[in-house]
Amino acid sequence: MLLEGQQAAFAAEQGIGPVQAVDKLAASAWRRGKLVFEDRPLGEVVAELNRYHRGLLLVGDSALAERRVSGVFATGQPLAVLAALESALHIRSTRLGDYLILLHR
């Protein structure tokens, strides 16, 4: 049972994860066209961006996927978010058009 301000994640392999507190404004920011990340792994940020991008965004290696990201980004501009991440994290991307983009060092 979850109460207001709580969340739990589900994965087929692990089942239901632990109950955690959630910032309601950050969690519902997508309704206002924003994505809010606070100290989240780049891999999770890219997975969320994939929901708003018509193509596929990938992270080149697991160490890079663990880099921490904080910020507020517009859902309607995933490629602009990607450019901001590249600049802030000093990483690069290899692109096959705007549809397949690989982030790497």
PDB file of N, CA and C in Angstrom:
ATOM      1  N   MET A   1       0.849  -1.170   0.000  1.00  0.00           N
ATOM      2  CA  MET A   1       0.000   0.000   0.000  1.00  0.00           C
ATOM      3  C   MET A   1       0.896   1.234   0.000  1.00  0.00           C
ATOM      4  N   LEU A   2       0.651   2.132  -0.949  1.00  0.00           N
ATOM      5  CA  LEU A   2       1.395   3.389  -1.030  1.00  0.00           C
ATOM      6  C   LEU A   2       0.529   4.531  -0.526  1.00  0.00           C
ATOM      7  N   LEU A   3       1.151   5.437   0.174  1.00  0.00           N
ATOM      8  CA  LEU A   3       0.478   6.644   0.636  1.00  0.00           C
ATOM      9  C   LEU A   3       0.866   7.800  -0.274  1.00  0.00           C
ATOM     10  N   GLU A   4       0.159   8.914  -0.151  1.00  0.00           N
ATOM     11  CA  GLU A   4       0.505  10.090  -0.931  1.00  0.00           C
ATOM     12  C   GLU A   4       1.950  10.475  -0.651  1.00  0.00           C
ATOM     13  N   GLY A   5       2.697  10.763  -1.738  1.00  0.00           N
ATOM     14  CA  GLY A   5       4.096  11.150  -1.598  1.00  0.00           C
ATOM     15  C   GLY A   5       5.047   9.971  -1.561  1.00  0.00           C
ATOM     16  N   GLN A   6       4.544   8.762  -1.872  1.00  0.00           N
ATOM     17  CA  GLN A   6       5.393   7.568  -1.906  1.00  0.00           C
ATOM     18  C   GLN A   6       5.334   6.948  -3.291  1.00  0.00           C
ATOM     19  N   GLN A   7       6.384   6.176  -3.611  1.00  0.00           N
ATOM     20  CA  GLN A   7       6.416   5.453  -4.872  1.00  0.00           C
ATOM     21  C   GLN A   7       7.145   4.134  -4.678  1.00  0.00           C
ATOM     22  N   ALA A   8       6.901   3.216  -5.592  1.00  0.00           N
ATOM     23  CA  ALA A   8       7.626   1.947  -5.647  1.00  0.00           C
ATOM     24  C   ALA A   8       7.772   1.587  -7.108  1.00  0.00           C
ATOM     25  N   ALA A   9       8.877   0.974  -7.458  1.00  0.00           N
ATOM     26  CA  ALA A   9       9.131   0.552  -8.834  1.00  0.00           C
ATOM     27  C   ALA A   9       8.893  -0.954  -8.944  1.00  0.00           C
ATOM     28  N   PHE A  10       8.563  -1.401 -10.162  1.00  0.00           N
ATOM     29  CA  PHE A  10       8.358  -2.823 -10.415  1.00  0.00           C
ATOM     30  C   PHE A  10       9.240  -3.246 -11.572  1.00  0.00           C
ATOM     31  N   ALA A  11       9.910  -4.383 -11.411  1.00  0.00           N
ATOM     32  CA  ALA A  11      10.696  -4.995 -12.479  1.00  0.00           C
ATOM     33  C   ALA A  11      10.361  -6.482 -12.480  1.00  0.00           C
ATOM     34  N   ALA A  12      10.193  -7.045 -13.659  1.00  0.00           N
ATOM     35  CA  ALA A  12       9.795  -8.446 -13.771  1.00  0.00           C
ATOM     36  C   ALA A  12      10.752  -9.372 -13.018  1.00  0.00           C
ATOM     37  N   GLU A  13      12.053  -9.073 -13.073  1.00  0.00           N
ATOM     38  CA  GLU A  13      13.045  -9.939 -12.432  1.00  0.00           C
ATOM     39  C   GLU A  13      13.047  -9.815 -10.908  1.00  0.00           C
ATOM     40  N   GLN A  14      12.859  -8.589 -10.399  1.00  0.00           N
ATOM     41  CA  GLN A  14      12.963  -8.353  -8.963  1.00  0.00           C
ATOM     42  C   GLN A  14      11.621  -8.199  -8.261  1.00  0.00           C
ATOM     43  N   GLY A  15      10.560  -7.989  -9.002  1.00  0.00           N
ATOM     44  CA  GLY A  15       9.266  -7.750  -8.378  1.00  0.00           C
ATOM     45  C   GLY A  15       9.142  -6.303  -7.944  1.00  0.00           C
ATOM     46  N   ILE A  16       8.378  -6.057  -6.894  1.00  0.00           N
ATOM     47  CA  ILE A  16       8.157  -4.698  -6.406  1.00  0.00           C
ATOM     48  C   ILE A  16       9.316  -4.279  -5.512  1.00  0.00           C
ATOM     49  N   GLY A  17       9.853  -3.101  -5.808  1.00  0.00           N
ATOM     50  CA  GLY A  17      10.977  -2.569  -5.039  1.00  0.00           C
ATOM     51  C   GLY A  17      10.498  -1.911  -3.758  1.00  0.00           C
ATOM     52  N   PRO A  18      11.422  -1.347  -3.012  1.00  0.00           N
ATOM     53  CA  PRO A  18      11.074  -0.709  -1.735  1.00  0.00           C
ATOM     54  C   PRO A  18      10.258   0.563  -1.929  1.00  0.00           C
ATOM     55  N   VAL A  19       9.469   0.890  -0.952  1.00  0.00           N
ATOM     56  CA  VAL A  19       8.698   2.128  -0.953  1.00  0.00           C
ATOM     57  C   VAL A  19       9.652   3.278  -0.661  1.00  0.00           C
ATOM     58  N   GLN A  20       9.545   4.340  -1.463  1.00  0.00           N
ATOM     59  CA  GLN A  20      10.417   5.498  -1.311  1.00  0.00           C
ATOM     60  C   GLN A  20       9.578   6.762  -1.328  1.00  0.00           C
ATOM     61  N   ALA A  21      10.084   7.785  -0.678  1.00  0.00           N
ATOM     62  CA  ALA A  21       9.430   9.096  -0.734  1.00  0.00           C
ATOM     63  C   ALA A  21       9.663   9.686  -2.118  1.00  0.00           C
ATOM     64  N   VAL A  22       8.693  10.463  -2.583  1.00  0.00           N
ATOM     65  CA  VAL A  22       8.810  11.084  -3.900  1.00  0.00           C
ATOM     66  C   VAL A  22       8.377  12.545  -3.809  1.00  0.00           C
ATOM     67  N   ASP A  23       9.083  13.384  -4.542  1.00  0.00           N
ATOM     68  CA  ASP A  23       8.713  14.788  -4.657  1.00  0.00           C
ATOM     69  C   ASP A  23       7.576  14.858  -5.670  1.00  0.00           C
ATOM     70  N   LYS A  24       6.372  15.170  -5.208  1.00  0.00           N
ATOM     71  CA  LYS A  24       5.195  15.143  -6.084  1.00  0.00           C
ATOM     72  C   LYS A  24       5.313  16.120  -7.243  1.00  0.00           C
ATOM     73  N   LEU A  25       5.865  17.285  -7.014  1.00  0.00           N
ATOM     74  CA  LEU A  25       6.003  18.264  -8.091  1.00  0.00           C
ATOM     75  C   LEU A  25       6.979  17.779  -9.157  1.00  0.00           C
ATOM     76  N   ALA A  26       8.087  17.192  -8.733  1.00  0.00           N
ATOM     77  CA  ALA A  26       9.061  16.672  -9.693  1.00  0.00           C
ATOM     78  C   ALA A  26       8.495  15.482 -10.459  1.00  0.00           C
ATOM     79  N   ALA A  27       7.786  14.599  -9.751  1.00  0.00           N
ATOM     80  CA  ALA A  27       7.245  13.406 -10.384  1.00  0.00           C
ATOM     81  C   ALA A  27       6.159  13.730 -11.404  1.00  0.00           C
ATOM     82  N   SER A  28       5.441  14.813 -11.197  1.00  0.00           N
ATOM     83  CA  SER A  28       4.368  15.186 -12.128  1.00  0.00           C
ATOM     84  C   SER A  28       4.791  16.293 -13.093  1.00  0.00           C
ATOM     85  N   ALA A  29       6.064  16.647 -13.107  1.00  0.00           N
ATOM     86  CA  ALA A  29       6.548  17.737 -13.957  1.00  0.00           C
ATOM     87  C   ALA A  29       6.307  17.454 -15.438  1.00  0.00           C
ATOM     88  N   TRP A  30       6.286  16.175 -15.836  1.00  0.00           N
ATOM     89  CA  TRP A  30       6.057  15.833 -17.240  1.00  0.00           C
ATOM     90  C   TRP A  30       4.714  16.370 -17.720  1.00  0.00           C
ATOM     91  N   ARG A  31       3.755  16.510 -16.816  1.00  0.00           N
ATOM     92  CA  ARG A  31       2.451  17.060 -17.198  1.00  0.00           C
ATOM     93  C   ARG A  31       2.561  18.524 -17.601  1.00  0.00           C
ATOM     94  N   ARG A  32       3.594  19.182 -17.112  1.00  0.00           N
ATOM     95  CA  ARG A  32       3.841  20.588 -17.438  1.00  0.00           C
ATOM     96  C   ARG A  32       4.927  20.728 -18.506  1.00  0.00           C
ATOM     97  N   GLY A  33       5.289  19.606 -19.141  1.00  0.00           N
ATOM     98  CA  GLY A  33       6.284  19.637 -20.201  1.00  0.00           C
ATOM     99  C   GLY A  33       7.711  19.711 -19.717  1.00  0.00           C
ATOM    100  N   LYS A  34       7.956  19.286 -18.482  1.00  0.00           N
ATOM    101  CA  LYS A  34       9.306  19.343 -17.905  1.00  0.00           C
ATOM    102  C   LYS A  34       9.720  17.969 -17.390  1.00  0.00           C
ATOM    103  N   LEU A  35      11.009  17.725 -17.424  1.00  0.00           N
ATOM    104  CA  LEU A  35      11.608  16.552 -16.783  1.00  0.00           C
ATOM    105  C   LEU A  35      12.550  17.079 -15.706  1.00  0.00           C
ATOM    106  N   VAL A  36      12.417  16.555 -14.498  1.00  0.00           N
ATOM    107  CA  VAL A  36      13.237  17.003 -13.379  1.00  0.00           C
ATOM    108  C   VAL A  36      14.086  15.823 -12.903  1.00  0.00           C
ATOM    109  N   PHE A  37      15.396  16.028 -12.898  1.00  0.00           N
ATOM    110  CA  PHE A  37      16.323  14.999 -12.440  1.00  0.00           C
ATOM    111  C   PHE A  37      17.183  15.575 -11.332  1.00  0.00           C
ATOM    112  N   GLU A  38      17.289  14.854 -10.242  1.00  0.00           N
ATOM    113  CA  GLU A  38      18.143  15.277  -9.140  1.00  0.00           C
ATOM    114  C   GLU A  38      19.067  14.124  -8.780  1.00  0.00           C
ATOM    115  N   ASP A  39      20.347  14.281  -9.149  1.00  0.00           N
ATOM    116  CA  ASP A  39      21.381  13.284  -8.851  1.00  0.00           C
ATOM    117  C   ASP A  39      20.988  11.896  -9.351  1.00  0.00           C
ATOM    118  N   ARG A  40      20.558  11.826 -10.609  1.00  0.00           N
ATOM    119  CA  ARG A  40      20.150  10.557 -11.218  1.00  0.00           C
ATOM    120  C   ARG A  40      21.227  10.071 -12.171  1.00  0.00           C
ATOM    121  N   PRO A  41      21.394   8.755 -12.329  1.00  0.00           N
ATOM    122  CA  PRO A  41      22.378   8.230 -13.284  1.00  0.00           C
ATOM    123  C   PRO A  41      22.014   8.628 -14.718  1.00  0.00           C
ATOM    124  N   LEU A  42      23.017   8.913 -15.527  1.00  0.00           N
ATOM    125  CA  LEU A  42      22.803   9.279 -16.916  1.00  0.00           C
ATOM    126  C   LEU A  42      21.985   8.213 -17.647  1.00  0.00           C
ATOM    127  N   GLY A  43      22.205   6.952 -17.339  1.00  0.00           N
ATOM    128  CA  GLY A  43      21.444   5.874 -17.979  1.00  0.00           C
ATOM    129  C   GLY A  43      19.944   6.014 -17.752  1.00  0.00           C
ATOM    130  N   GLU A  44      19.553   6.405 -16.537  1.00  0.00           N
ATOM    131  CA  GLU A  44      18.134   6.612 -16.242  1.00  0.00           C
ATOM    132  C   GLU A  44      17.601   7.840 -16.964  1.00  0.00           C
ATOM    133  N   VAL A  45      18.405   8.885 -17.027  1.00  0.00           N
ATOM    134  CA  VAL A  45      17.995  10.116 -17.705  1.00  0.00           C
ATOM    135  C   VAL A  45      17.775   9.825 -19.192  1.00  0.00           C
ATOM    136  N   VAL A  46      18.698   9.103 -19.804  1.00  0.00           N
ATOM    137  CA  VAL A  46      18.576   8.768 -21.226  1.00  0.00           C
ATOM    138  C   VAL A  46      17.360   7.866 -21.454  1.00  0.00           C
ATOM    139  N   ALA A  47      17.114   6.923 -20.562  1.00  0.00           N
ATOM    140  CA  ALA A  47      15.926   6.062 -20.691  1.00  0.00           C
ATOM    141  C   ALA A  47      14.653   6.910 -20.662  1.00  0.00           C
ATOM    142  N   GLU A  48      14.618   7.907 -19.804  1.00  0.00           N
ATOM    143  CA  GLU A  48      13.446   8.794 -19.746  1.00  0.00           C
ATOM    144  C   GLU A  48      13.350   9.640 -21.008  1.00  0.00           C
ATOM    145  N   LEU A  49      14.476  10.139 -21.501  1.00  0.00           N
ATOM    146  CA  LEU A  49      14.466  10.931 -22.740  1.00  0.00           C
ATOM    147  C   LEU A  49      13.965  10.113 -23.925  1.00  0.00           C
ATOM    148  N   ASN A  50      14.252   8.820 -23.922  1.00  0.00           N
ATOM    149  CA  ASN A  50      13.796   7.956 -25.009  1.00  0.00           C
ATOM    150  C   ASN A  50      12.272   7.948 -25.133  1.00  0.00           C
ATOM    151  N   ARG A  51      11.580   8.242 -24.054  1.00  0.00           N
ATOM    152  CA  ARG A  51      10.114   8.292 -24.105  1.00  0.00           C
ATOM    153  C   ARG A  51       9.626   9.480 -24.927  1.00  0.00           C
ATOM    154  N   TYR A  52      10.468  10.496 -25.102  1.00  0.00           N
ATOM    155  CA  TYR A  52      10.083  11.724 -25.784  1.00  0.00           C
ATOM    156  C   TYR A  52      10.788  11.910 -27.130  1.00  0.00           C
ATOM    157  N   HIS A  53      11.609  10.950 -27.517  1.00  0.00           N
ATOM    158  CA  HIS A  53      12.388  11.033 -28.763  1.00  0.00           C
ATOM    159  C   HIS A  53      11.903   9.957 -29.727  1.00  0.00           C
ATOM    160  N   ARG A  54      11.754  10.310 -30.994  1.00  0.00           N
ATOM    161  CA  ARG A  54      11.250   9.352 -31.987  1.00  0.00           C
ATOM    162  C   ARG A  54      12.254   8.271 -32.334  1.00  0.00           C
ATOM    163  N   GLY A  55      13.496   8.470 -32.006  1.00  0.00           N
ATOM    164  CA  GLY A  55      14.526   7.495 -32.313  1.00  0.00           C
ATOM    165  C   GLY A  55      14.989   6.758 -31.071  1.00  0.00           C
ATOM    166  N   LEU A  56      16.270   6.401 -31.047  1.00  0.00           N
ATOM    167  CA  LEU A  56      16.838   5.646 -29.937  1.00  0.00           C
ATOM    168  C   LEU A  56      18.107   6.339 -29.459  1.00  0.00           C
ATOM    169  N   LEU A  57      18.145   6.634 -28.175  1.00  0.00           N
ATOM    170  CA  LEU A  57      19.324   7.203 -27.528  1.00  0.00           C
ATOM    171  C   LEU A  57      19.967   6.104 -26.701  1.00  0.00           C
ATOM    172  N   LEU A  58      21.275   5.934 -26.839  1.00  0.00           N
ATOM    173  CA  LEU A  58      22.003   4.888 -26.116  1.00  0.00           C
ATOM    174  C   LEU A  58      23.208   5.474 -25.406  1.00  0.00           C
ATOM    175  N   VAL A  59      23.593   4.854 -24.291  1.00  0.00           N
ATOM    176  CA  VAL A  59      24.808   5.233 -23.558  1.00  0.00           C
ATOM    177  C   VAL A  59      25.845   4.163 -23.855  1.00  0.00           C
ATOM    178  N   GLY A  60      27.068   4.599 -24.238  1.00  0.00           N
ATOM    179  CA  GLY A  60      28.107   3.715 -24.728  1.00  0.00           C
ATOM    180  C   GLY A  60      28.658   2.704 -23.751  1.00  0.00           C
ATOM    181  N   ASP A  61      28.736   3.029 -22.464  1.00  0.00           N
ATOM    182  CA  ASP A  61      29.291   2.061 -21.515  1.00  0.00           C
ATOM    183  C   ASP A  61      28.685   2.267 -20.133  1.00  0.00           C
ATOM    184  N   SER A  62      28.836   1.272 -19.283  1.00  0.00           N
ATOM    185  CA  SER A  62      28.189   1.290 -17.960  1.00  0.00           C
ATOM    186  C   SER A  62      28.770   2.369 -17.044  1.00  0.00           C
ATOM    187  N   ALA A  63      30.063   2.660 -17.150  1.00  0.00           N
ATOM    188  CA  ALA A  63      30.650   3.704 -16.309  1.00  0.00           C
ATOM    189  C   ALA A  63      30.052   5.061 -16.664  1.00  0.00           C
ATOM    190  N   LEU A  64      29.878   5.319 -17.940  1.00  0.00           N
ATOM    191  CA  LEU A  64      29.265   6.569 -18.377  1.00  0.00           C
ATOM    192  C   LEU A  64      27.797   6.623 -17.949  1.00  0.00           C
ATOM    193  N   ALA A  65      27.115   5.502 -18.010  1.00  0.00           N
ATOM    194  CA  ALA A  65      25.706   5.436 -17.614  1.00  0.00           C
ATOM    195  C   ALA A  65      25.512   5.762 -16.138  1.00  0.00           C
ATOM    196  N   GLU A  66      26.570   5.632 -15.322  1.00  0.00           N
ATOM    197  CA  GLU A  66      26.476   5.916 -13.888  1.00  0.00           C
ATOM    198  C   GLU A  66      26.791   7.364 -13.534  1.00  0.00           C
ATOM    199  N   ARG A  67      27.250   8.165 -14.502  1.00  0.00           N
ATOM    200  CA  ARG A  67      27.511   9.583 -14.229  1.00  0.00           C
ATOM    201  C   ARG A  67      26.236  10.231 -13.727  1.00  0.00           C
ATOM    202  N   ARG A  68      26.348  11.120 -12.764  1.00  0.00           N
ATOM    203  CA  ARG A  68      25.185  11.726 -12.111  1.00  0.00           C
ATOM    204  C   ARG A  68      24.730  12.986 -12.843  1.00  0.00           C
ATOM    205  N   VAL A  69      23.412  13.151 -12.912  1.00  0.00           N
ATOM    206  CA  VAL A  69      22.807  14.273 -13.628  1.00  0.00           C
ATOM    207  C   VAL A  69      21.757  14.940 -12.742  1.00  0.00           C
ATOM    208  N   SER A  70      21.763  16.265 -12.744  1.00  0.00           N
ATOM    209  CA  SER A  70      20.711  17.056 -12.101  1.00  0.00           C
ATOM    210  C   SER A  70      20.321  18.152 -13.070  1.00  0.00           C
ATOM    211  N   GLY A  71      19.031  18.432 -13.159  1.00  0.00           N
ATOM    212  CA  GLY A  71      18.584  19.514 -14.024  1.00  0.00           C
ATOM    213  C   GLY A  71      17.101  19.437 -14.320  1.00  0.00           C
ATOM    214  N   VAL A  72      16.596  20.499 -14.914  1.00  0.00           N
ATOM    215  CA  VAL A  72      15.208  20.573 -15.364  1.00  0.00           C
ATOM    216  C   VAL A  72      15.247  20.801 -16.861  1.00  0.00           C
ATOM    217  N   PHE A  73      14.571  19.944 -17.612  1.00  0.00           N
ATOM    218  CA  PHE A  73      14.628  19.970 -19.066  1.00  0.00           C
ATOM    219  C   PHE A  73      13.228  19.932 -19.660  1.00  0.00           C
ATOM    220  N   ALA A  74      13.090  20.450 -20.886  1.00  0.00           N
ATOM    221  CA  ALA A  74      11.809  20.444 -21.595  1.00  0.00           C
ATOM    222  C   ALA A  74      11.603  19.097 -22.280  1.00  0.00           C
ATOM    223  N   THR A  75      10.419  18.512 -22.120  1.00  0.00           N
ATOM    224  CA  THR A  75      10.113  17.215 -22.745  1.00  0.00           C
ATOM    225  C   THR A  75      10.047  17.324 -24.260  1.00  0.00           C
ATOM    226  N   GLY A  76       9.677  18.470 -24.776  1.00  0.00           N
ATOM    227  CA  GLY A  76       9.499  18.635 -26.216  1.00  0.00           C
ATOM    228  C   GLY A  76      10.776  18.834 -26.993  1.00  0.00           C
ATOM    229  N   GLN A  77      11.916  18.853 -26.321  1.00  0.00           N
ATOM    230  CA  GLN A  77      13.190  19.110 -26.979  1.00  0.00           C
ATOM    231  C   GLN A  77      14.264  18.117 -26.546  1.00  0.00           C
ATOM    232  N   PRO A  78      14.062  16.823 -26.795  1.00  0.00           N
ATOM    233  CA  PRO A  78      15.046  15.836 -26.318  1.00  0.00           C
ATOM    234  C   PRO A  78      16.435  16.024 -26.914  1.00  0.00           C
ATOM    235  N   LEU A  79      16.539  16.516 -28.150  1.00  0.00           N
ATOM    236  CA  LEU A  79      17.863  16.719 -28.736  1.00  0.00           C
ATOM    237  C   LEU A  79      18.581  17.911 -28.101  1.00  0.00           C
ATOM    238  N   ALA A  80      17.836  18.913 -27.683  1.00  0.00           N
ATOM    239  CA  ALA A  80      18.435  20.038 -26.956  1.00  0.00           C
ATOM    240  C   ALA A  80      18.913  19.583 -25.583  1.00  0.00           C
ATOM    241  N   VAL A  81      18.148  18.704 -24.946  1.00  0.00           N
ATOM    242  CA  VAL A  81      18.564  18.137 -23.656  1.00  0.00           C
ATOM    243  C   VAL A  81      19.858  17.364 -23.846  1.00  0.00           C
ATOM    244  N   LEU A  82      19.908  16.572 -24.906  1.00  0.00           N
ATOM    245  CA  LEU A  82      21.096  15.783 -25.198  1.00  0.00           C
ATOM    246  C   LEU A  82      22.311  16.692 -25.396  1.00  0.00           C
ATOM    247  N   ALA A  83      22.141  17.786 -26.122  1.00  0.00           N
ATOM    248  CA  ALA A  83      23.238  18.733 -26.336  1.00  0.00           C
ATOM    249  C   ALA A  83      23.696  19.340 -25.014  1.00  0.00           C
ATOM    250  N   ALA A  84      22.759  19.665 -24.133  1.00  0.00           N
ATOM    251  CA  ALA A  84      23.112  20.213 -22.818  1.00  0.00           C
ATOM    252  C   ALA A  84      23.882  19.188 -21.992  1.00  0.00           C
ATOM    253  N   LEU A  85      23.460  17.930 -22.052  1.00  0.00           N
ATOM    254  CA  LEU A  85      24.163  16.868 -21.317  1.00  0.00           C
ATOM    255  C   LEU A  85      25.576  16.682 -21.857  1.00  0.00           C
ATOM    256  N   GLU A  86      25.714  16.705 -23.172  1.00  0.00           N
ATOM    257  CA  GLU A  86      27.043  16.566 -23.776  1.00  0.00           C
ATOM    258  C   GLU A  86      27.974  17.672 -23.279  1.00  0.00           C
ATOM    259  N   SER A  87      27.484  18.891 -23.271  1.00  0.00           N
ATOM    260  CA  SER A  87      28.296  20.026 -22.839  1.00  0.00           C
ATOM    261  C   SER A  87      28.626  19.950 -21.350  1.00  0.00           C
ATOM    262  N   ALA A  88      27.627  19.701 -20.531  1.00  0.00           N
ATOM    263  CA  ALA A  88      27.826  19.698 -19.077  1.00  0.00           C
ATOM    264  C   ALA A  88      28.694  18.534 -18.603  1.00  0.00           C
ATOM    265  N   LEU A  89      28.554  17.375 -19.245  1.00  0.00           N
ATOM    266  CA  LEU A  89      29.289  16.185 -18.803  1.00  0.00           C
ATOM    267  C   LEU A  89      30.563  15.944 -19.599  1.00  0.00           C
ATOM    268  N   HIS A  90      30.834  16.812 -20.577  1.00  0.00           N
ATOM    269  CA  HIS A  90      32.023  16.682 -21.431  1.00  0.00           C
ATOM    270  C   HIS A  90      32.061  15.309 -22.094  1.00  0.00           C
ATOM    271  N   ILE A  91      30.955  14.956 -22.713  1.00  0.00           N
ATOM    272  CA  ILE A  91      30.861  13.698 -23.457  1.00  0.00           C
ATOM    273  C   ILE A  91      30.518  14.024 -24.904  1.00  0.00           C
ATOM    274  N   ARG A  92      30.573  13.024 -25.751  1.00  0.00           N
ATOM    275  CA  ARG A  92      30.292  13.216 -27.173  1.00  0.00           C
ATOM    276  C   ARG A  92      29.194  12.263 -27.611  1.00  0.00           C
ATOM    277  N   SER A  93      28.736  12.469 -28.835  1.00  0.00           N
ATOM    278  CA  SER A  93      27.741  11.557 -29.397  1.00  0.00           C
ATOM    279  C   SER A  93      28.111  11.233 -30.830  1.00  0.00           C
ATOM    280  N   THR A  94      27.733  10.049 -31.233  1.00  0.00           N
ATOM    281  CA  THR A  94      27.818   9.636 -32.628  1.00  0.00           C
ATOM    282  C   THR A  94      26.392   9.455 -33.097  1.00  0.00           C
ATOM    283  N   ARG A  95      26.054  10.090 -34.216  1.00  0.00           N
ATOM    284  CA  ARG A  95      24.664  10.119 -34.668  1.00  0.00           C
ATOM    285  C   ARG A  95      24.506   9.500 -36.043  1.00  0.00           C
ATOM    286  N   LEU A  96      23.455   8.730 -36.181  1.00  0.00           N
ATOM    287  CA  LEU A  96      22.970   8.293 -37.483  1.00  0.00           C
ATOM    288  C   LEU A  96      21.669   9.056 -37.681  1.00  0.00           C
ATOM    289  N   GLY A  97      21.802  10.258 -38.230  1.00  0.00           N
ATOM    290  CA  GLY A  97      20.661  11.160 -38.293  1.00  0.00           C
ATOM    291  C   GLY A  97      20.298  11.577 -36.882  1.00  0.00           C
ATOM    292  N   ASP A  98      19.047  11.913 -36.680  1.00  0.00           N
ATOM    293  CA  ASP A  98      18.576  12.243 -35.335  1.00  0.00           C
ATOM    294  C   ASP A  98      17.878  11.051 -34.698  1.00  0.00           C
ATOM    295  N   TYR A  99      17.972   9.885 -35.340  1.00  0.00           N
ATOM    296  CA  TYR A  99      17.186   8.741 -34.874  1.00  0.00           C
ATOM    297  C   TYR A  99      17.970   7.747 -34.037  1.00  0.00           C
ATOM    298  N   LEU A 100      19.247   7.564 -34.319  1.00  0.00           N
ATOM    299  CA  LEU A 100      20.077   6.674 -33.498  1.00  0.00           C
ATOM    300  C   LEU A 100      21.275   7.481 -33.031  1.00  0.00           C
ATOM    301  N   ILE A 101      21.338   7.684 -31.716  1.00  0.00           N
ATOM    302  CA  ILE A 101      22.390   8.520 -31.139  1.00  0.00           C
ATOM    303  C   ILE A 101      23.058   7.758 -30.000  1.00  0.00           C
ATOM    304  N   LEU A 102      24.383   7.612 -30.082  1.00  0.00           N
ATOM    305  CA  LEU A 102      25.165   6.908 -29.072  1.00  0.00           C
ATOM    306  C   LEU A 102      26.002   7.928 -28.313  1.00  0.00           C
ATOM    307  N   LEU A 103      25.806   8.006 -26.999  1.00  0.00           N
ATOM    308  CA  LEU A 103      26.621   8.870 -26.146  1.00  0.00           C
ATOM    309  C   LEU A 103      27.869   8.109 -25.712  1.00  0.00           C
ATOM    310  N   HIS A 104      29.005   8.769 -25.781  1.00  0.00           N
ATOM    311  CA  HIS A 104      30.264   8.130 -25.401  1.00  0.00           C
ATOM    312  C   HIS A 104      31.256   9.194 -24.956  1.00  0.00           C
ATOM    313  N   ARG A 105      32.411   8.744 -24.475  1.00  0.00           N
ATOM    314  CA  ARG A 105      33.469   9.675 -24.010  1.00  0.00           C
ATOM    315  C   ARG A 105      34.244  10.231 -25.161  1.00  0.00           C
TER     316      ARG A 105
END
